[in-house]
Protein backbone atom coordinates (compact mmCIF):
# COMPACT_ATOMS: atom_id res chain seq x y z
CA MET A 1 -6.87 -1.27 -53.72
CA LYS A 2 -7.47 2.25 -54.79
CA LYS A 3 -9.25 2.96 -51.42
CA ILE A 4 -6.29 1.53 -49.53
CA VAL A 5 -3.80 3.55 -51.41
CA PHE A 6 -5.87 6.72 -51.07
CA SER A 7 -6.20 6.24 -47.32
CA ILE A 8 -2.56 5.85 -46.79
CA PHE A 9 -2.00 8.95 -48.82
CA MET A 10 -4.40 10.99 -46.74
CA LEU A 11 -2.87 9.76 -43.37
CA LEU A 12 0.74 10.72 -44.54
CA SER A 13 -0.43 14.05 -46.08
CA PHE A 14 -2.11 15.30 -42.88
CA SER A 15 0.49 14.13 -40.48
CA ILE A 16 2.10 16.78 -38.37
CA VAL A 17 5.59 17.86 -39.47
CA TYR A 18 7.91 20.07 -37.59
CA SER A 19 10.30 21.97 -39.81
CA GLU A 20 12.23 25.21 -40.18
CA GLU A 21 10.33 28.30 -41.21
CA GLN A 22 9.99 28.52 -45.00
CA VAL A 23 9.54 31.60 -47.29
CA VAL A 24 6.74 30.98 -49.93
CA ASP A 25 8.18 31.60 -53.54
CA GLU A 26 5.58 31.29 -56.15
CA ASN A 27 8.24 30.29 -58.71
CA GLU A 28 9.19 27.32 -56.50
CA LEU A 29 5.57 26.35 -56.11
CA PHE A 30 5.00 26.18 -59.82
CA GLY A 31 8.35 24.66 -60.72
CA ASP A 32 8.63 27.05 -63.71
CA LYS A 33 12.17 27.84 -64.83
CA ASN A 34 11.04 29.79 -67.82
CA SER A 35 10.22 32.92 -65.95
CA GLU A 36 10.09 34.00 -62.38
CA ILE A 37 7.22 35.30 -60.16
CA THR A 38 8.13 36.45 -56.67
CA VAL A 39 5.55 36.71 -53.94
CA VAL A 40 6.13 40.23 -52.28
CA LYS A 41 5.18 41.19 -48.81
CA GLU A 42 2.15 43.61 -48.54
CA GLU A 43 4.10 46.25 -46.76
CA ASN A 44 6.41 46.78 -49.77
CA HIS A 45 4.08 49.17 -51.51
CA ASN A 46 6.71 50.32 -54.16
CA VAL A 47 7.38 46.92 -55.43
CA ASP A 48 3.75 45.88 -55.29
CA SER A 49 2.87 48.84 -57.39
CA GLU A 50 5.50 48.02 -59.96
CA LEU A 51 4.35 44.33 -60.19
CA SER A 52 0.78 45.44 -60.74
CA LEU A 53 1.85 47.12 -64.09
CA LYS A 54 0.95 45.10 -67.24
CA LYS A 55 4.23 43.82 -68.91
CA ILE A 56 4.52 42.15 -72.38
CA SER A 57 7.77 40.59 -73.44
CA PHE A 58 8.89 38.41 -76.35
CA SER A 59 12.04 36.27 -76.28
CA GLY A 60 13.13 33.06 -77.96
CA GLU A 61 15.97 30.82 -79.29
CA VAL A 62 16.91 29.53 -82.65
CA TYR A 63 18.72 26.00 -82.67
CA TYR A 64 20.58 24.06 -85.28
CA LYS A 65 21.98 20.53 -85.02
CA GLY A 66 23.79 18.31 -87.47
CA SER A 67 25.13 14.77 -86.75
CA ALA A 68 27.00 12.08 -88.53
CA GLY A 69 27.42 8.50 -87.48
CA ILE A 70 29.50 5.33 -87.98
CA LYS A 71 27.28 2.15 -88.35
CA ALA A 72 27.52 -0.87 -86.21
CA GLY A 73 29.07 -3.99 -87.81
CA PHE A 74 25.93 -5.91 -88.08
CA VAL A 75 24.06 -3.13 -90.02
CA ASN A 76 23.81 -3.32 -93.87
CA LYS A 77 25.31 -0.25 -95.51
CA LYS A 78 22.14 0.26 -97.67
CA ASP A 79 20.00 0.30 -94.41
CA TYR A 80 22.09 2.92 -92.67
CA GLN A 81 21.66 6.68 -93.00
CA GLY A 82 24.51 8.25 -91.04
CA TYR A 83 23.94 11.90 -91.58
CA ASN A 84 21.12 14.07 -90.28
CA SER A 85 20.29 17.72 -89.41
CA ASN A 86 17.47 19.77 -88.14
CA ALA A 87 16.68 23.37 -87.19
CA SER A 88 14.16 24.55 -84.54
CA ALA A 89 12.96 27.90 -83.16
CA ASN A 90 11.10 28.72 -80.08
CA ILE A 91 9.14 31.97 -79.51
CA PHE A 92 8.16 32.90 -75.88
CA LEU A 93 5.37 35.24 -75.04
CA ASP A 94 5.25 36.40 -71.45
CA VAL A 95 2.59 38.69 -70.25
CA ARG A 96 2.39 40.12 -66.64
CA ILE A 97 -1.04 41.41 -65.72
CA LYS A 98 -2.36 43.07 -62.54
CA GLU A 99 -3.15 41.08 -59.34
CA GLY A 100 -0.23 38.66 -59.81
CA MET A 101 -1.73 37.10 -63.11
CA LYS A 102 0.66 35.84 -65.80
CA LEU A 103 0.29 34.40 -69.45
CA PHE A 104 3.04 32.33 -70.87
CA VAL A 105 3.13 30.70 -74.48
CA ASP A 106 6.03 28.67 -75.90
CA PHE A 107 5.50 28.24 -79.71
CA GLU A 108 8.05 25.77 -81.43
CA GLY A 109 8.72 25.28 -85.09
CA ASN A 110 10.92 22.32 -86.43
CA TYR A 111 12.42 21.60 -89.79
CA TYR A 112 13.90 18.20 -90.58
CA SER A 113 16.36 18.04 -93.55
CA LYS A 114 15.81 14.32 -94.18
CA GLY A 115 12.32 14.21 -92.70
CA LYS A 116 11.04 12.71 -89.42
CA THR A 117 9.15 9.51 -88.89
CA LYS A 118 6.41 9.89 -86.31
CA TYR A 119 4.16 7.17 -85.15
CA GLU A 120 0.59 7.95 -84.44
CA THR A 121 -2.21 6.08 -82.81
CA LEU A 122 -5.72 6.08 -84.34
CA ASN A 123 -8.36 4.93 -81.88
CA TYR A 124 -11.79 3.89 -83.21
CA SER A 125 -14.70 1.67 -82.33
CA GLU A 126 -15.90 -1.48 -84.38
CA ASN A 127 -19.06 -3.24 -83.41
CA GLY A 128 -18.89 -1.77 -79.91
CA ILE A 129 -15.39 -2.73 -79.37
CA ASP A 130 -12.61 -0.21 -78.92
CA LYS A 131 -9.63 -0.72 -81.29
CA SER A 132 -6.50 1.22 -82.29
CA ILE A 133 -4.08 1.30 -85.26
CA VAL A 134 -0.52 2.48 -85.25
CA TYR A 135 0.57 4.14 -88.38
CA LYS A 136 3.65 5.99 -89.67
CA ASN A 137 3.60 9.81 -90.51
CA GLU A 138 6.51 11.28 -92.40
CA LEU A 139 7.08 14.86 -91.61
CA SER A 140 9.41 17.48 -92.98
CA SER A 141 8.39 20.26 -90.61
CA GLU A 142 5.88 20.69 -87.76
CA LEU A 143 4.62 23.52 -85.60
CA LEU A 144 3.85 22.85 -81.85
CA VAL A 145 2.59 24.59 -78.77
CA LYS A 146 4.93 23.52 -76.20
CA GLU A 147 3.22 25.38 -73.36
CA LEU A 148 0.30 27.72 -73.11
CA PHE A 149 -0.97 28.72 -69.57
CA PHE A 150 -1.92 31.44 -67.32
CA ASP A 151 -1.31 31.92 -63.52
CA THR A 152 -3.74 33.44 -61.01
CA ASN A 153 -4.24 33.20 -57.32
CA TYR A 154 -6.88 33.66 -54.59
CA GLN A 155 -5.66 36.10 -52.00
CA LYS A 156 -2.29 34.56 -52.14
CA LYS A 157 -3.54 31.58 -50.38
CA LEU A 158 -4.45 29.36 -53.50
CA TYR A 159 -2.35 29.46 -56.73
CA PHE A 160 -3.72 28.24 -59.97
CA ARG A 161 -2.15 27.41 -63.39
CA PHE A 162 -4.46 26.59 -66.28
CA GLY A 163 -3.45 25.17 -69.59
CA LYS A 164 -0.65 23.26 -71.19
CA GLN A 165 2.30 23.23 -68.90
CA ASN A 166 5.42 21.45 -67.82
CA LEU A 167 5.61 20.44 -64.16
CA LYS A 168 8.46 19.69 -61.87
CA TRP A 169 7.43 16.40 -60.33
CA GLY A 170 10.08 14.21 -58.64
CA THR A 171 13.56 14.71 -57.46
CA GLY A 172 15.48 12.40 -59.90
CA TYR A 173 18.10 13.92 -62.13
CA PHE A 174 17.22 11.86 -65.12
CA TRP A 175 14.56 9.24 -64.23
CA ASN A 176 11.42 10.32 -62.39
CA PRO A 177 9.11 7.27 -61.77
CA THR A 178 6.75 9.39 -59.56
CA ASP A 179 6.12 11.77 -62.64
CA THR A 180 3.04 10.44 -64.19
CA ILE A 181 2.05 13.82 -65.62
CA ASN A 182 4.60 15.09 -68.07
CA ILE A 183 4.27 13.60 -71.57
CA GLU A 184 7.64 13.93 -72.85
CA LYS A 185 10.43 12.26 -70.91
CA LYS A 186 14.00 13.57 -70.70
CA SER A 187 16.45 12.90 -73.43
CA PHE A 188 19.84 11.57 -72.52
CA LEU A 189 21.63 13.15 -75.50
CA ASP A 190 19.78 16.51 -75.05
CA LEU A 191 19.21 17.06 -71.41
CA ASP A 192 18.38 20.82 -72.06
CA LYS A 193 15.49 19.99 -74.64
CA ARG A 194 12.40 21.94 -73.97
CA ARG A 195 9.69 19.29 -73.32
CA GLU A 196 6.06 19.38 -74.36
CA GLY A 197 3.69 20.10 -71.57
CA SER A 198 0.56 18.46 -70.31
CA TYR A 199 -2.99 19.97 -70.46
CA GLY A 200 -4.67 20.62 -67.11
CA VAL A 201 -5.17 22.62 -64.08
CA LYS A 202 -2.58 22.94 -61.24
CA THR A 203 -3.44 24.08 -57.85
CA THR A 204 -0.89 24.89 -55.19
CA ILE A 205 -1.85 25.26 -51.58
CA PRO A 206 1.02 26.71 -49.41
CA LEU A 207 0.76 25.53 -45.73
CA GLY A 208 3.46 27.75 -44.30
CA ASN A 209 5.85 25.82 -42.02
CA SER A 210 3.98 22.60 -42.69
CA GLY A 211 4.85 22.41 -46.39
CA ASN A 212 2.85 22.65 -49.73
CA ILE A 213 0.02 20.66 -51.29
CA TYR A 214 -0.19 20.29 -55.12
CA ILE A 215 -3.18 19.03 -57.06
CA PHE A 216 -3.13 18.55 -60.83
CA LEU A 217 -6.28 17.76 -62.81
CA ASN A 218 -4.90 16.18 -66.06
CA SER A 219 -7.34 16.61 -68.91
CA GLU A 220 -4.97 15.44 -71.73
CA GLY A 221 -7.13 13.30 -74.02
CA ALA A 222 -10.04 13.25 -71.68
CA LYS A 223 -13.46 12.52 -73.33
CA ASP A 224 -15.48 13.56 -70.24
CA LEU A 225 -15.02 14.76 -66.71
CA SER A 226 -14.64 11.27 -65.24
CA ASP A 227 -11.81 10.52 -67.76
CA ASN A 228 -9.49 13.19 -66.06
CA GLY A 229 -6.44 11.90 -64.24
CA VAL A 230 -5.90 13.33 -60.75
CA SER A 231 -2.44 13.74 -59.08
CA LEU A 232 -1.94 14.68 -55.50
CA LYS A 233 1.24 15.58 -53.67
CA TYR A 234 2.04 16.72 -50.17
CA GLU A 235 5.63 18.22 -49.79
CA PHE A 236 7.14 18.84 -46.39
CA LEU A 237 10.44 19.27 -44.58
CA VAL A 238 11.93 16.78 -41.89
CA LYS A 239 15.12 18.54 -40.40
CA ASN A 240 17.30 19.19 -43.41
CA SER A 241 15.56 16.85 -45.87
CA GLU A 242 12.71 17.69 -48.24
CA MET A 243 10.12 14.93 -48.72
CA SER A 244 6.84 14.38 -50.51
CA VAL A 245 4.15 11.60 -50.86
CA SER A 246 1.98 11.53 -54.05
CA LEU A 247 -0.86 9.69 -55.48
CA TRP A 248 -1.94 9.33 -59.17
CA SER A 249 -5.33 8.03 -60.11
CA LYS A 250 -7.48 7.60 -63.28
CA ARG A 251 -10.48 5.72 -64.22
CA ASN A 252 -9.71 2.08 -65.39
CA ARG A 253 -5.98 2.68 -64.84
CA ALA A 254 -3.73 1.23 -62.16
CA PRO A 255 -3.18 3.81 -59.33
CA ILE A 256 0.45 4.81 -58.47
CA LEU A 257 1.59 5.80 -55.00
CA GLY A 258 4.88 7.77 -54.85
CA TYR A 259 7.39 8.99 -52.38
CA ASP A 260 10.39 11.16 -52.92
CA ILE A 261 13.29 12.71 -50.74
CA SER A 262 16.12 15.08 -51.26
CA GLY A 263 18.70 16.49 -48.90
CA ARG A 264 22.48 16.84 -48.25
CA THR A 265 24.84 14.81 -46.07
CA SER A 266 28.69 14.66 -46.04
CA GLY A 267 28.92 17.03 -48.88
CA ILE A 268 26.71 14.99 -51.24
CA ASP A 269 23.25 16.20 -52.48
CA PHE A 270 21.24 13.03 -52.46
CA TYR A 271 17.82 12.30 -53.77
CA GLY A 272 15.53 9.31 -54.17
CA GLU A 273 12.15 8.45 -55.62
CA ALA A 274 9.85 5.36 -55.25
CA ALA A 275 6.64 4.58 -57.14
CA LEU A 276 4.36 1.63 -56.44
CA SER A 277 1.57 0.50 -58.86
CA TYR A 278 -0.87 -2.23 -58.33
CA GLY A 279 -0.82 -3.87 -61.75
CA SER A 280 0.35 -2.00 -64.71
CA ASP A 281 -1.22 -0.23 -67.77
CA ALA A 282 1.61 -1.49 -70.04
CA LYS A 283 1.58 -4.61 -72.15
CA LYS A 284 4.10 -7.47 -71.51
CA ILE A 285 5.65 -9.48 -74.12
CA ASN A 286 4.81 -13.16 -73.97
CA GLU A 287 8.26 -14.53 -74.57
CA LYS A 288 7.17 -18.11 -75.26
CA ARG A 289 4.72 -16.97 -78.06
CA VAL A 290 7.19 -14.56 -79.52
CA SER A 291 9.76 -17.36 -79.85
CA GLU A 292 7.21 -19.72 -81.43
CA GLU A 293 5.55 -16.99 -83.77
CA SER A 294 4.71 -18.04 -87.28
CA SER A 295 6.60 -16.52 -90.27
CA SER A 296 3.30 -14.80 -91.42
CA GLY A 297 3.49 -12.61 -88.14
CA LYS A 298 0.74 -10.21 -88.05
CA ASP A 299 -2.08 -12.62 -87.91
CA ILE A 300 -1.14 -13.50 -84.39
CA TYR A 301 0.16 -10.05 -83.50
CA ASN A 302 -2.46 -9.54 -80.61
CA LEU A 303 -1.55 -12.86 -79.05
CA LEU A 304 2.04 -11.80 -78.37
CA TYR A 305 1.29 -9.61 -75.32
CA ASP A 306 -0.21 -10.17 -71.89
CA ASN A 307 -1.51 -7.95 -69.23
CA TYR A 308 0.73 -7.64 -66.24
CA ASN A 309 -0.51 -9.59 -63.14
CA LYS A 310 -2.45 -7.76 -60.48
CA LYS A 311 0.44 -7.28 -57.99
CA ILE A 312 2.68 -4.48 -56.76
CA TYR A 313 5.40 -3.29 -59.08
CA PRO A 314 8.02 -0.99 -57.72
CA LYS A 315 9.98 1.62 -59.51
CA VAL A 316 12.90 3.05 -57.59
CA VAL A 317 15.54 5.77 -58.29
CA PHE A 318 18.42 6.79 -56.07
CA GLY A 319 21.30 9.15 -56.75
CA GLY A 320 23.44 12.04 -55.64
CA THR A 321 25.64 14.93 -56.77
CA LYS A 322 29.03 15.67 -55.34
CA TYR A 323 31.02 18.98 -56.23
CA PHE A 324 34.79 19.25 -56.13
CA ASP A 325 37.15 22.27 -55.92
CA TYR A 326 39.95 22.36 -58.31
CA LYS A 327 42.88 24.86 -58.58
CA ASP A 328 41.27 27.24 -56.24
CA ILE A 329 37.98 27.27 -58.13
CA LYS A 330 35.00 26.20 -55.97
CA ASP A 331 32.62 23.60 -57.28
CA ARG A 332 34.56 23.38 -60.62
CA ILE A 333 33.85 19.60 -61.12
CA SER A 334 30.44 18.10 -60.54
CA LEU A 335 29.49 14.42 -60.68
CA THR A 336 26.03 12.89 -60.55
CA ALA A 337 25.34 9.19 -60.30
CA GLU A 338 22.03 7.48 -60.55
CA LEU A 339 20.52 4.02 -60.29
CA TYR A 340 17.12 3.02 -61.53
CA TYR A 341 15.20 -0.22 -60.78
CA ASN A 342 12.05 -0.66 -63.11
CA GLY A 343 9.80 -3.24 -61.69
CA THR A 344 7.97 -3.64 -65.03
CA GLY A 345 11.09 -3.82 -67.23
CA TYR A 346 12.59 -6.80 -68.83
CA SER A 347 15.62 -8.67 -67.47
CA LYS A 348 17.01 -9.50 -70.69
CA ASN A 349 17.01 -8.45 -74.31
CA VAL A 350 13.47 -9.61 -75.47
CA ILE A 351 13.33 -7.59 -78.65
CA LYS A 352 15.68 -10.02 -80.29
CA SER A 353 13.19 -12.85 -79.51
CA PHE A 354 10.92 -11.78 -82.27
CA LEU A 355 11.18 -13.98 -85.46
CA ASN A 356 9.10 -11.75 -87.59
CA ASP A 357 10.46 -8.23 -88.40
CA ASP A 358 6.92 -6.78 -88.82
CA ASN A 359 6.06 -7.77 -85.15
CA ARG A 360 9.37 -6.49 -83.98
CA ILE A 361 8.58 -3.03 -85.59
CA ASN A 362 5.10 -3.00 -84.27
CA TYR A 363 6.45 -3.62 -80.74
CA TYR A 364 8.87 -0.67 -81.19
CA MET A 365 6.27 1.65 -82.45
CA THR A 366 3.58 0.72 -79.90
CA TYR A 367 5.06 -0.29 -76.59
CA PHE A 368 8.74 0.50 -76.45
CA GLU A 369 9.67 3.19 -74.01
CA PRO A 370 13.32 4.51 -74.24
CA ASN A 371 15.19 4.32 -70.90
CA ASP A 372 12.26 2.41 -69.46
CA TYR A 373 12.45 -0.83 -71.16
CA GLY A 374 15.02 -2.74 -69.02
CA ARG A 375 14.89 -3.93 -65.38
CA ILE A 376 17.99 -2.03 -64.07
CA TYR A 377 19.68 1.07 -65.31
CA ALA A 378 22.69 3.13 -64.30
CA ALA A 379 23.78 6.60 -65.41
CA PHE A 380 26.45 9.36 -64.58
CA PHE A 381 26.71 12.99 -65.48
CA SER A 382 29.87 14.89 -64.95
CA GLU A 383 31.01 18.51 -65.89
CA PHE A 384 34.30 20.37 -65.70
CA LYS A 385 33.64 23.98 -65.71
CA LYS A 386 36.00 26.92 -66.69
CA PHE A 387 37.90 24.60 -69.08
CA GLN A 388 41.37 26.18 -69.93
CA ASN A 389 40.53 28.70 -67.07
CA ASP A 390 37.84 30.18 -69.36
CA SER A 391 34.41 30.64 -67.86
CA ARG A 392 32.81 30.46 -71.33
CA LYS A 393 34.12 26.89 -71.78
CA SER A 394 33.26 23.48 -70.22
CA ILE A 395 33.39 19.84 -70.90
CA HIS A 396 31.21 16.85 -69.78
CA ILE A 397 31.32 13.18 -69.84
CA ASN A 398 28.06 11.32 -69.41
CA GLY A 399 27.07 7.63 -69.52
CA ILE A 400 24.01 5.52 -69.47
CA SER A 401 23.46 1.77 -69.45
CA ASN A 402 20.64 -0.74 -69.49
CA LEU A 403 22.37 -3.22 -67.24
CA SER A 404 19.84 -5.82 -68.14
CA ASP A 405 20.66 -6.15 -71.73
CA LYS A 406 24.24 -4.92 -71.46
CA SER A 407 23.86 -1.92 -73.76
CA GLY A 408 24.54 1.75 -73.32
CA ILE A 409 26.02 5.12 -74.37
CA ILE A 410 29.12 7.19 -73.42
CA SER A 411 29.07 10.67 -74.51
CA ILE A 412 31.88 13.29 -74.37
CA GLY A 413 30.90 17.03 -75.04
CA TYR A 414 32.47 20.39 -75.26
CA LYS A 415 30.40 23.61 -74.81
CA TYR A 416 31.59 27.19 -75.76
CA ILE A 417 29.67 30.39 -75.00
CA PRO A 418 31.51 33.13 -76.95
CA PHE A 419 28.88 35.63 -75.70
CA ASP A 420 25.71 35.31 -73.42
CA GLU A 421 23.25 34.81 -76.32
CA PHE A 422 25.18 32.29 -78.37
CA ILE A 423 26.10 28.67 -77.44
CA ILE A 424 28.17 26.24 -79.47
CA GLU A 425 28.31 22.60 -78.36
CA THR A 426 29.70 19.37 -80.01
CA ASN A 427 29.50 15.69 -78.73
CA LEU A 428 31.02 12.40 -79.44
CA SER A 429 28.90 9.50 -78.39
CA GLY A 430 29.92 5.81 -78.44
CA TYR A 431 27.25 3.02 -78.35
CA PHE A 432 27.72 -0.47 -76.99
CA GLY A 433 25.72 -3.59 -76.92
CA ASN A 434 24.54 -6.39 -79.17
CA LYS A 435 22.06 -6.40 -82.05
CA TYR A 436 18.59 -5.39 -81.02
CA SER A 437 19.71 -4.41 -77.54
CA GLU A 438 18.11 -1.11 -76.36
CA TYR A 439 20.88 1.37 -77.26
CA MET A 440 21.76 -0.29 -80.50
CA LEU A 441 18.44 0.02 -81.99
CA GLY A 442 19.59 3.11 -83.81
CA ASN A 443 22.21 1.01 -85.55
CA ASP A 444 24.92 3.60 -84.61
CA ARG A 445 28.32 2.59 -83.26
CA PHE A 446 29.59 6.23 -82.99
CA LEU A 447 27.86 9.57 -83.53
CA ILE A 448 29.28 13.00 -83.56
CA ASP A 449 27.09 15.99 -83.47
CA ALA A 450 27.49 19.79 -83.37
CA SER A 451 24.90 22.42 -82.50
CA ALA A 452 24.50 26.14 -82.29
CA LYS A 453 21.92 28.04 -80.20
CA LEU A 454 21.04 31.74 -80.53
CA LEU A 455 19.01 33.38 -77.79
CA PHE A 456 17.15 36.58 -78.15
């Protein structure tokens, strides 16, 4: 199957595509929104000379967030902790070196006033058999290196990024099934959250009018060279639409073939992604065994899961964004809607099928993936800019739902930027669904939060 998928990818990748002339932008190639690098024409000697100078800059942000909730009716008061707060700081180091080289580091520190529960996996070998244990780690603070990479290029024909990095992979606004690289997924309640990068080497090959080729060698957790994951993507234009085909492969893992598209028609910015895998690396709950499990629970824990059958599992996202003028202000209102079909997701609420609480908790710690558990999802994101005719104020209403288990979140928020380096935001979120449904696992019925961010 891997040979077939790879052959299809190579045929698509080297097909002849006619498109409008493009200007190569190194920032677009790397998909880096933290800083900008511009490819400059050789004849512009003054700008070239300026870029060749070494520049070192520090910047950062300090963030505080507090929240208070109202519990769902089925939750015991003694089991509910409605208030929480945390503070974080990011320090950015940006070094520009001669010949277009760049170094970037993002250090992050977090403090949790009530502590944070983090589930870790310990892998070990016993009698030649690989095993793993999931354990709970209680943290009051943590230090992270979110990103650490440097850029260089070869005669502005090949561009390289080495180190821990975030990648722009896929066109979806919230879901990106073709993104098999980034470790940390997007958070619905914190869309601006800085995500942790993946460790590896990214190579970008601009092909002029024909498009771009991206190659990422993922060394995250690799024990030897053959354990590296490889992602390939060919990006090209067809008339006014941008498309790409991609392939992800790793030893002893199910390969994933991807396709995405983005464009504009009838005033709507549309996009779509599709990922196909032959089999799945995830574990599937055996619903019959779960419903018959013994009260002792853990002695049959490993019997509660099956491997997915060797067949094709699709994951598809489609959505679009529409802008509206209001009271002579262009694009004042925006609305994005998105649908996600998850071929490996569950068509009903299977978490409630567990009879033993220990097994239910173990499933949540080991296999549960937020926003990727159900079969069908829908989401919308809307924003009203220049609220009260003030460019510093905006409001938004967002919603997400697991249509398969009929749970979801509706969030209403207000953002105020009194000056460029200071942002205040508050949100009120309502949760709906039955006990043990996806978006009720946190036991909140309502949650209000307030945050402040200082940039420097």
